[in-house]
N, C-alpha and C. Protein backbone atom coordinates (compact mmCIF):
# COMPACT_ATOMS: atom_id res chain seq x y z
N MET A 1 255.15 174.79 0.78
CA MET A 1 254.52 173.53 1.07
C MET A 1 253.10 173.57 0.52
N THR A 2 252.69 172.48 -0.11
CA THR A 2 251.33 172.36 -0.63
C THR A 2 250.58 171.34 0.21
N ILE A 3 249.38 171.70 0.60
CA ILE A 3 248.55 170.80 1.40
C ILE A 3 247.35 170.41 0.54
N THR A 4 247.07 169.12 0.48
CA THR A 4 245.91 168.63 -0.26
C THR A 4 245.08 167.75 0.66
N LEU A 5 243.78 167.74 0.43
CA LEU A 5 242.88 166.87 1.17
C LEU A 5 242.47 165.73 0.26
N ARG A 6 242.52 164.53 0.79
CA ARG A 6 242.16 163.35 0.01
C ARG A 6 241.25 162.46 0.83
N GLU A 7 240.43 161.70 0.14
CA GLU A 7 239.56 160.74 0.80
C GLU A 7 240.41 159.69 1.50
N ILE A 8 239.99 159.28 2.69
CA ILE A 8 240.69 158.22 3.40
C ILE A 8 240.22 156.89 2.84
N THR A 9 241.17 156.11 2.35
CA THR A 9 240.88 154.81 1.75
C THR A 9 241.81 153.77 2.37
N GLU A 10 241.60 152.52 2.01
CA GLU A 10 242.50 151.47 2.49
C GLU A 10 243.93 151.70 2.04
N ASP A 11 244.11 152.32 0.88
CA ASP A 11 245.45 152.56 0.35
C ASP A 11 246.22 153.62 1.14
N ASN A 12 245.52 154.57 1.76
CA ASN A 12 246.23 155.63 2.47
C ASN A 12 245.93 155.65 3.98
N ALA A 13 245.17 154.69 4.46
CA ALA A 13 244.77 154.67 5.88
C ALA A 13 245.97 154.64 6.81
N GLU A 14 247.02 153.93 6.44
CA GLU A 14 248.19 153.83 7.31
C GLU A 14 248.82 155.20 7.54
N SER A 15 248.82 156.04 6.52
CA SER A 15 249.36 157.39 6.67
C SER A 15 248.52 158.21 7.62
N VAL A 16 247.21 158.07 7.55
CA VAL A 16 246.32 158.82 8.44
C VAL A 16 246.55 158.40 9.88
N LEU A 17 246.70 157.12 10.10
CA LEU A 17 246.88 156.61 11.46
C LEU A 17 248.23 157.01 12.05
N ALA A 18 249.18 157.38 11.19
CA ALA A 18 250.51 157.75 11.65
C ALA A 18 250.67 159.25 11.86
N LEU A 19 249.60 160.03 11.69
CA LEU A 19 249.69 161.48 11.83
C LEU A 19 250.13 161.87 13.23
N ARG A 20 251.01 162.82 13.30
CA ARG A 20 251.46 163.37 14.58
C ARG A 20 251.54 164.88 14.44
N SER A 21 251.35 165.56 15.51
CA SER A 21 251.49 167.01 15.50
C SER A 21 252.61 167.41 16.44
N THR A 22 253.21 168.55 16.16
CA THR A 22 254.23 169.08 17.05
C THR A 22 253.53 169.92 18.11
N PRO A 23 254.18 170.19 19.22
CA PRO A 23 253.55 171.03 20.23
C PRO A 23 253.08 172.38 19.67
N GLN A 24 253.83 172.93 18.73
CA GLN A 24 253.46 174.21 18.14
C GLN A 24 252.19 174.09 17.29
N GLN A 25 251.89 172.92 16.77
CA GLN A 25 250.73 172.70 15.92
C GLN A 25 249.48 172.32 16.71
N GLU A 26 249.65 171.99 17.99
CA GLU A 26 248.54 171.46 18.77
C GLU A 26 247.30 172.35 18.71
N LYS A 27 247.49 173.66 18.75
CA LYS A 27 246.34 174.56 18.76
C LYS A 27 245.60 174.58 17.43
N PHE A 28 246.21 174.03 16.38
CA PHE A 28 245.57 174.01 15.07
C PHE A 28 244.92 172.69 14.72
N VAL A 29 245.11 171.67 15.55
CA VAL A 29 244.61 170.33 15.24
C VAL A 29 243.12 170.26 15.50
N SER A 30 242.40 169.77 14.52
CA SER A 30 240.95 169.63 14.63
C SER A 30 240.61 168.23 15.12
N THR A 31 239.57 168.12 15.91
CA THR A 31 239.13 166.81 16.35
C THR A 31 238.48 166.04 15.21
N VAL A 32 238.24 166.70 14.08
CA VAL A 32 237.70 166.00 12.91
C VAL A 32 238.67 164.90 12.47
N ASP A 33 239.97 165.21 12.46
CA ASP A 33 240.97 164.20 12.09
C ASP A 33 240.86 163.00 13.00
N TYR A 34 240.70 163.26 14.28
CA TYR A 34 240.58 162.19 15.25
C TYR A 34 239.32 161.37 15.00
N SER A 35 238.19 162.05 14.79
CA SER A 35 236.93 161.36 14.56
C SER A 35 236.98 160.47 13.33
N LEU A 36 237.56 160.99 12.25
CA LEU A 36 237.68 160.20 11.02
C LEU A 36 238.53 158.97 11.25
N THR A 37 239.60 159.14 11.98
CA THR A 37 240.50 158.02 12.27
C THR A 37 239.79 156.96 13.10
N VAL A 38 239.04 157.39 14.14
CA VAL A 38 238.31 156.45 14.98
C VAL A 38 237.32 155.66 14.14
N GLU A 39 236.59 156.34 13.27
CA GLU A 39 235.62 155.67 12.41
C GLU A 39 236.30 154.66 11.50
N LEU A 40 237.42 155.03 10.93
CA LEU A 40 238.16 154.14 10.03
C LEU A 40 238.63 152.89 10.78
N VAL A 41 239.18 153.08 11.95
CA VAL A 41 239.66 151.95 12.75
C VAL A 41 238.50 151.03 13.11
N ARG A 42 237.40 151.61 13.57
CA ARG A 42 236.22 150.83 13.96
C ARG A 42 235.68 150.06 12.76
N ASP A 43 235.57 150.72 11.59
CA ASP A 43 235.03 150.07 10.38
C ASP A 43 235.88 148.89 9.93
N HIS A 44 237.17 148.91 10.28
CA HIS A 44 238.06 147.82 9.88
C HIS A 44 238.28 146.81 11.00
N GLY A 45 237.44 146.87 12.02
CA GLY A 45 237.50 145.88 13.09
C GLY A 45 238.54 146.17 14.16
N GLY A 46 239.16 147.35 14.10
CA GLY A 46 240.16 147.69 15.10
C GLY A 46 239.53 147.97 16.45
N THR A 47 240.29 147.77 17.49
CA THR A 47 239.77 147.96 18.85
C THR A 47 240.52 149.04 19.63
N GLU A 48 241.63 149.55 19.08
CA GLU A 48 242.37 150.56 19.80
C GLU A 48 243.19 151.43 18.86
N LEU A 49 243.49 152.63 19.34
CA LEU A 49 244.38 153.55 18.64
C LEU A 49 245.64 153.67 19.48
N LEU A 50 246.78 153.72 18.83
CA LEU A 50 248.05 153.90 19.51
C LEU A 50 248.74 155.12 18.95
N THR A 51 249.41 155.86 19.81
CA THR A 51 250.22 156.99 19.39
C THR A 51 251.34 157.16 20.40
N SER A 52 252.19 158.13 20.18
CA SER A 52 253.27 158.40 21.12
C SER A 52 253.60 159.88 21.06
N HIS A 53 254.32 160.34 22.08
CA HIS A 53 254.77 161.73 22.08
C HIS A 53 256.04 161.87 22.89
N VAL A 54 256.76 162.93 22.57
CA VAL A 54 257.97 163.25 23.31
C VAL A 54 257.54 163.97 24.59
N PRO A 55 257.98 163.50 25.75
CA PRO A 55 257.60 164.17 26.99
C PRO A 55 258.27 165.54 27.11
N GLY A 56 257.61 166.43 27.82
CA GLY A 56 258.22 167.73 28.09
C GLY A 56 257.20 168.84 28.15
N GLU A 57 257.61 169.94 28.71
CA GLU A 57 256.75 171.11 28.84
C GLU A 57 256.32 171.60 27.46
N GLY A 58 255.03 171.90 27.33
CA GLY A 58 254.51 172.37 26.05
C GLY A 58 254.23 171.27 25.06
N GLY A 59 254.38 170.01 25.48
CA GLY A 59 254.15 168.88 24.60
C GLY A 59 252.66 168.57 24.46
N PRO A 60 252.32 167.58 23.65
CA PRO A 60 250.92 167.27 23.35
C PRO A 60 250.23 166.34 24.34
N ALA A 61 250.82 166.08 25.50
CA ALA A 61 250.22 165.13 26.44
C ALA A 61 248.78 165.50 26.80
N GLY A 62 248.53 166.76 27.07
CA GLY A 62 247.18 167.20 27.43
C GLY A 62 246.20 167.04 26.28
N PHE A 63 246.66 167.32 25.08
CA PHE A 63 245.82 167.15 23.89
C PHE A 63 245.38 165.70 23.76
N TYR A 64 246.33 164.78 23.87
CA TYR A 64 245.99 163.36 23.75
C TYR A 64 245.10 162.89 24.90
N ALA A 65 245.35 163.39 26.09
CA ALA A 65 244.52 163.01 27.25
C ALA A 65 243.07 163.44 27.03
N ARG A 66 242.87 164.64 26.47
CA ARG A 66 241.51 165.12 26.20
C ARG A 66 240.80 164.25 25.17
N LEU A 67 241.56 163.58 24.32
CA LEU A 67 240.98 162.68 23.32
C LEU A 67 240.79 161.26 23.86
N GLY A 68 241.13 161.04 25.13
CA GLY A 68 240.91 159.74 25.74
C GLY A 68 242.10 158.80 25.72
N PHE A 69 243.26 159.27 25.29
CA PHE A 69 244.46 158.43 25.29
C PHE A 69 245.05 158.38 26.68
N THR A 70 245.54 157.21 27.06
CA THR A 70 246.22 157.04 28.35
C THR A 70 247.57 156.38 28.12
N PRO A 71 248.55 156.70 28.95
CA PRO A 71 249.87 156.07 28.81
C PRO A 71 249.79 154.56 29.01
N THR A 72 250.54 153.83 28.20
CA THR A 72 250.58 152.37 28.33
C THR A 72 251.57 151.93 29.40
N GLY A 73 252.42 152.86 29.82
CA GLY A 73 253.49 152.51 30.75
C GLY A 73 254.77 152.17 30.03
N GLU A 74 254.73 152.23 28.71
CA GLU A 74 255.90 151.91 27.89
C GLU A 74 256.49 153.17 27.27
N VAL A 75 257.79 153.11 26.98
CA VAL A 75 258.50 154.18 26.29
C VAL A 75 259.23 153.53 25.13
N ASP A 76 259.14 154.13 23.93
CA ASP A 76 259.79 153.51 22.77
C ASP A 76 261.29 153.80 22.76
N ALA A 77 261.98 153.26 21.77
CA ALA A 77 263.44 153.39 21.68
C ALA A 77 263.89 154.83 21.53
N ASP A 78 263.01 155.72 21.04
CA ASP A 78 263.35 157.13 20.88
C ASP A 78 262.99 157.96 22.11
N GLY A 79 262.50 157.32 23.17
CA GLY A 79 262.14 158.02 24.38
C GLY A 79 260.73 158.59 24.37
N GLU A 80 259.93 158.20 23.39
CA GLU A 80 258.55 158.69 23.31
C GLU A 80 257.64 157.84 24.19
N ILE A 81 256.72 158.51 24.87
CA ILE A 81 255.75 157.83 25.72
C ILE A 81 254.65 157.25 24.83
N LEU A 82 254.35 155.97 24.98
CA LEU A 82 253.33 155.31 24.19
C LEU A 82 251.96 155.47 24.86
N LEU A 83 250.95 155.78 24.04
CA LEU A 83 249.60 156.01 24.52
C LEU A 83 248.62 155.10 23.79
N ARG A 84 247.52 154.79 24.47
CA ARG A 84 246.49 153.91 23.89
C ARG A 84 245.12 154.50 24.17
N ARG A 85 244.21 154.31 23.19
CA ARG A 85 242.82 154.66 23.39
C ARG A 85 241.96 153.54 22.82
N THR A 86 241.07 153.00 23.63
CA THR A 86 240.18 151.94 23.19
C THR A 86 239.11 152.54 22.28
N VAL A 87 238.80 151.83 21.20
CA VAL A 87 237.77 152.25 20.26
C VAL A 87 236.55 151.39 20.52
N HIS A 88 235.44 152.00 20.87
CA HIS A 88 234.20 151.28 21.16
C HIS A 88 233.33 151.19 19.92
N GLY A 89 232.74 150.05 19.68
CA GLY A 89 231.88 149.83 18.52
C GLY A 89 230.51 150.23 18.72
């Protein structure tokens, strides 16, 4: 697998916003990714970030909670818990 770093632009922003980590990757995730995403959303007039995760032991729920995400009370068709975080300007 080859990993490359690229500037976040309007052309690739959707991919950045769709990033997800597996429970095994949680310890490697940097908050830099999160900060860049928040800045991008704010710069484009966005007011919230949405993500989801599969519930279960060892899952990323704690990671997302530390970043300020809270459950919306909804579960998607795949059984993933939907989370929201408000972006302040």
